C-alpha atoms as a PDB file:
ATOM      1  CA  UNK A   1     223.606  64.352 164.161  1.00  0.00           C
ATOM      2  CA  UNK A   2     223.752  67.715 162.874  1.00  0.00           C
ATOM      3  CA  UNK A   3     219.895  68.366 162.460  1.00  0.00           C
ATOM      4  CA  UNK A   4     218.782  66.266 165.985  1.00  0.00           C
ATOM      5  CA  UNK A   5     217.336  68.526 168.160  1.00  0.00           C
ATOM      6  CA  UNK A   6     218.677  66.690 171.272  1.00  0.00           C
ATOM      7  CA  UNK A   7     221.431  66.256 169.556  1.00  0.00           C
ATOM      8  CA  UNK A   8     221.997  70.088 169.363  1.00  0.00           C
ATOM      9  CA  UNK A   9     220.950  69.843 173.633  1.00  0.00           C
ATOM     10  CA  UNK A  10     223.532  67.304 174.477  1.00  0.00           C
ATOM     11  CA  UNK A  11     226.012  69.714 172.522  1.00  0.00           C
ATOM     12  CA  UNK A  12     224.726  72.177 175.154  1.00  0.00           C
ATOM     13  CA  UNK A  13     224.303  74.656 171.178  1.00  0.00           C
ATOM     14  CA  UNK A  14     220.645  74.689 172.401  1.00  0.00           C
ATOM     15  CA  UNK A  15     219.313  75.125 176.197  1.00  0.00           C
ATOM     16  CA  UNK A  16     217.977  72.908 178.352  1.00  0.00           C
ATOM     17  CA  UNK A  17     216.944  72.434 182.073  1.00  0.00           C
ATOM     18  CA  UNK A  18     219.112  69.673 182.732  1.00  0.00           C
ATOM     19  CA  UNK A  19     217.956  67.670 185.755  1.00  0.00           C
ATOM     20  CA  UNK A  20     221.111  64.934 185.530  1.00  0.00           C
ATOM     21  CA  UNK A  21     223.877  64.023 183.169  1.00  0.00           C
ATOM     22  CA  UNK A  22     226.067  60.633 183.556  1.00  0.00           C
ATOM     23  CA  UNK A  23     228.078  61.341 180.318  1.00  0.00           C
ATOM     24  CA  UNK A  24     225.935  58.907 178.502  1.00  0.00           C
ATOM     25  CA  UNK A  25     222.795  59.429 179.178  1.00  0.00           C
ATOM     26  CA  UNK A  26     221.373  62.860 179.911  1.00  0.00           C
ATOM     27  CA  UNK A  27     217.289  64.269 181.482  1.00  0.00           C
ATOM     28  CA  UNK A  28     216.036  67.474 180.447  1.00  0.00           C
ATOM     29  CA  UNK A  29     212.901  68.789 181.699  1.00  0.00           C
ATOM     30  CA  UNK A  30     210.297  68.885 179.142  1.00  0.00           C
ATOM     31  CA  UNK A  31     209.495  72.627 177.502  1.00  0.00           C
ATOM     32  CA  UNK A  32     205.634  71.842 177.149  1.00  0.00           C
ATOM     33  CA  UNK A  33     205.202  69.372 180.255  1.00  0.00           C
ATOM     34  CA  UNK A  34     202.246  67.143 180.516  1.00  0.00           C
ATOM     35  CA  UNK A  35     202.631  66.092 184.198  1.00  0.00           C
ATOM     36  CA  UNK A  36     203.889  68.076 187.219  1.00  0.00           C
ATOM     37  CA  UNK A  37     206.679  65.915 186.599  1.00  0.00           C
ATOM     38  CA  UNK A  38     207.821  65.488 183.116  1.00  0.00           C
ATOM     39  CA  UNK A  39     211.411  64.800 182.495  1.00  0.00           C
ATOM     40  CA  UNK A  40     213.021  63.305 179.337  1.00  0.00           C
ATOM     41  CA  UNK A  41     216.009  60.893 179.617  1.00  0.00           C
ATOM     42  CA  UNK A  42     218.118  60.301 176.636  1.00  0.00           C
ATOM     43  CA  UNK A  43     221.085  59.427 175.404  1.00  0.00           C
ATOM     44  CA  UNK A  44     224.683  61.233 174.245  1.00  0.00           C
ATOM     45  CA  UNK A  45     225.369  58.607 171.253  1.00  0.00           C
ATOM     46  CA  UNK A  46     221.998  59.586 168.510  1.00  0.00           C
ATOM     47  CA  UNK A  47     219.934  56.494 168.267  1.00  0.00           C
ATOM     48  CA  UNK A  48     216.991  57.304 166.239  1.00  0.00           C
ATOM     49  CA  UNK A  49     214.606  54.985 168.602  1.00  0.00           C
ATOM     50  CA  UNK A  50     214.067  51.907 170.845  1.00  0.00           C
ATOM     51  CA  UNK A  51     213.092  50.363 166.965  1.00  0.00           C
ATOM     52  CA  UNK A  52     216.570  50.758 166.240  1.00  0.00           C
ATOM     53  CA  UNK A  53     218.283  48.972 169.299  1.00  0.00           C
ATOM     54  CA  UNK A  54     220.759  46.690 169.085  1.00  0.00           C
ATOM     55  CA  UNK A  55     222.287  44.126 172.154  1.00  0.00           C
ATOM     56  CA  UNK A  56     225.211  46.357 171.902  1.00  0.00           C
ATOM     57  CA  UNK A  57     223.348  49.131 173.267  1.00  0.00           C
ATOM     58  CA  UNK A  58     221.879  46.882 176.025  1.00  0.00           C
ATOM     59  CA  UNK A  59     224.137  48.533 178.357  1.00  0.00           C
ATOM     60  CA  UNK A  60     223.032  52.138 177.294  1.00  0.00           C
ATOM     61  CA  UNK A  61     219.087  51.413 177.759  1.00  0.00           C
ATOM     62  CA  UNK A  62     219.627  50.119 181.362  1.00  0.00           C
ATOM     63  CA  UNK A  63     221.632  53.077 182.314  1.00  0.00           C
ATOM     64  CA  UNK A  64     218.864  55.069 180.474  1.00  0.00           C
ATOM     65  CA  UNK A  65     215.770  53.215 182.851  1.00  0.00           C
ATOM     66  CA  UNK A  66     218.478  53.100 185.912  1.00  0.00           C
ATOM     67  CA  UNK A  67     218.574  57.409 185.455  1.00  0.00           C
ATOM     68  CA  UNK A  68     215.069  57.255 185.288  1.00  0.00           C
ATOM     69  CA  UNK A  69     214.379  55.573 188.480  1.00  0.00           C
ATOM     70  CA  UNK A  70     216.605  57.714 190.247  1.00  0.00           C
ATOM     71  CA  UNK A  71     214.791  60.827 189.279  1.00  0.00           C
ATOM     72  CA  UNK A  72     211.685  59.489 189.942  1.00  0.00           C
ATOM     73  CA  UNK A  73     213.308  59.105 193.317  1.00  0.00           C
ATOM     74  CA  UNK A  74     214.978  62.350 193.799  1.00  0.00           C
ATOM     75  CA  UNK A  75     211.571  64.009 192.564  1.00  0.00           C
ATOM     76  CA  UNK A  76     209.324  62.330 194.963  1.00  0.00           C
ATOM     77  CA  UNK A  77     207.183  60.651 192.484  1.00  0.00           C
ATOM     78  CA  UNK A  78     208.568  56.642 192.922  1.00  0.00           C
ATOM     79  CA  UNK A  79     206.220  55.021 195.435  1.00  0.00           C
ATOM     80  CA  UNK A  80     203.181  57.417 194.365  1.00  0.00           C
ATOM     81  CA  UNK A  81     203.905  56.262 191.006  1.00  0.00           C
ATOM     82  CA  UNK A  82     205.238  57.266 187.521  1.00  0.00           C
ATOM     83  CA  UNK A  83     204.992  56.515 183.777  1.00  0.00           C
ATOM     84  CA  UNK A  84     208.008  55.406 181.674  1.00  0.00           C
ATOM     85  CA  UNK A  85     206.959  55.761 177.679  1.00  0.00           C
ATOM     86  CA  UNK A  86     208.959  55.966 174.624  1.00  0.00           C
ATOM     87  CA  UNK A  87     207.356  56.799 171.496  1.00  0.00           C
ATOM     88  CA  UNK A  88     208.396  54.828 167.787  1.00  0.00           C
ATOM     89  CA  UNK A  89     207.839  57.061 164.527  1.00  0.00           C
ATOM     90  CA  UNK A  90     205.309  59.097 163.149  1.00  0.00           C
ATOM     91  CA  UNK A  91     202.191  57.089 163.900  1.00  0.00           C
ATOM     92  CA  UNK A  92     203.674  56.404 167.239  1.00  0.00           C
ATOM     93  CA  UNK A  93     203.398  59.895 168.301  1.00  0.00           C
ATOM     94  CA  UNK A  94     207.586  60.375 167.961  1.00  0.00           C
ATOM     95  CA  UNK A  95     208.250  64.266 167.045  1.00  0.00           C
ATOM     96  CA  UNK A  96     211.824  64.121 167.572  1.00  0.00           C
ATOM     97  CA  UNK A  97     214.038  61.164 165.707  1.00  0.00           C
ATOM     98  CA  UNK A  98     216.269  60.213 169.004  1.00  0.00           C
ATOM     99  CA  UNK A  99     215.287  57.823 171.430  1.00  0.00           C
ATOM    100  CA  UNK A 100     214.016  59.185 174.286  1.00  0.00           C
ATOM    101  CA  UNK A 101     211.838  58.374 176.990  1.00  0.00           C
ATOM    102  CA  UNK A 102     209.399  60.627 178.906  1.00  0.00           C
ATOM    103  CA  UNK A 103     209.096  60.152 182.544  1.00  0.00           C
ATOM    104  CA  UNK A 104     205.923  61.153 184.038  1.00  0.00           C
ATOM    105  CA  UNK A 105     204.240  61.942 187.401  1.00  0.00           C
ATOM    106  CA  UNK A 106     202.904  63.571 190.105  1.00  0.00           C
ATOM    107  CA  UNK A 107     199.723  63.051 188.742  1.00  0.00           C
ATOM    108  CA  UNK A 108     197.244  60.297 188.000  1.00  0.00           C
ATOM    109  CA  UNK A 109     198.020  58.301 184.455  1.00  0.00           C
ATOM    110  CA  UNK A 110     194.962  57.684 182.785  1.00  0.00           C
ATOM    111  CA  UNK A 111     195.015  54.776 180.362  1.00  0.00           C
ATOM    112  CA  UNK A 112     194.047  54.668 177.050  1.00  0.00           C
ATOM    113  CA  UNK A 113     197.243  57.521 176.765  1.00  0.00           C
ATOM    114  CA  UNK A 114     196.167  58.758 173.566  1.00  0.00           C
END
C-alpha cells in the first residue's frame, strides 16, 4: 500500500531499527518507546488490523506471536513478563492502519492501560 508507513518500512523506503525479519513478519523498535523494551511485530502483507484477519491468516498470526515470544526471550523479559497488544480502529488507539503487535516489557505493567 503506497501511503502506509509500515508498508514503506517493510519495503525499506523508510528507515527503522530492525530487530528481526523472517520474510513474512518484521519486528522493529518503536520510535517512541513506552517501556525499556518496545518492539512492533508486523506482517509484510498489508492487513489493516486484527479485525480484518481471516482464517487464511491463521498461520501468519501464529508466526507473529511466535516471533514476539522469541524476541521476548532474546530481550531477557521472557521470565519477568511482558505485554502483547494490538489496537483496532481510532477509538481502540490504532494510529497506523497496518496490523501490528506491540511487545512491551522491562518494567511493571499497570492495568487498566488507559
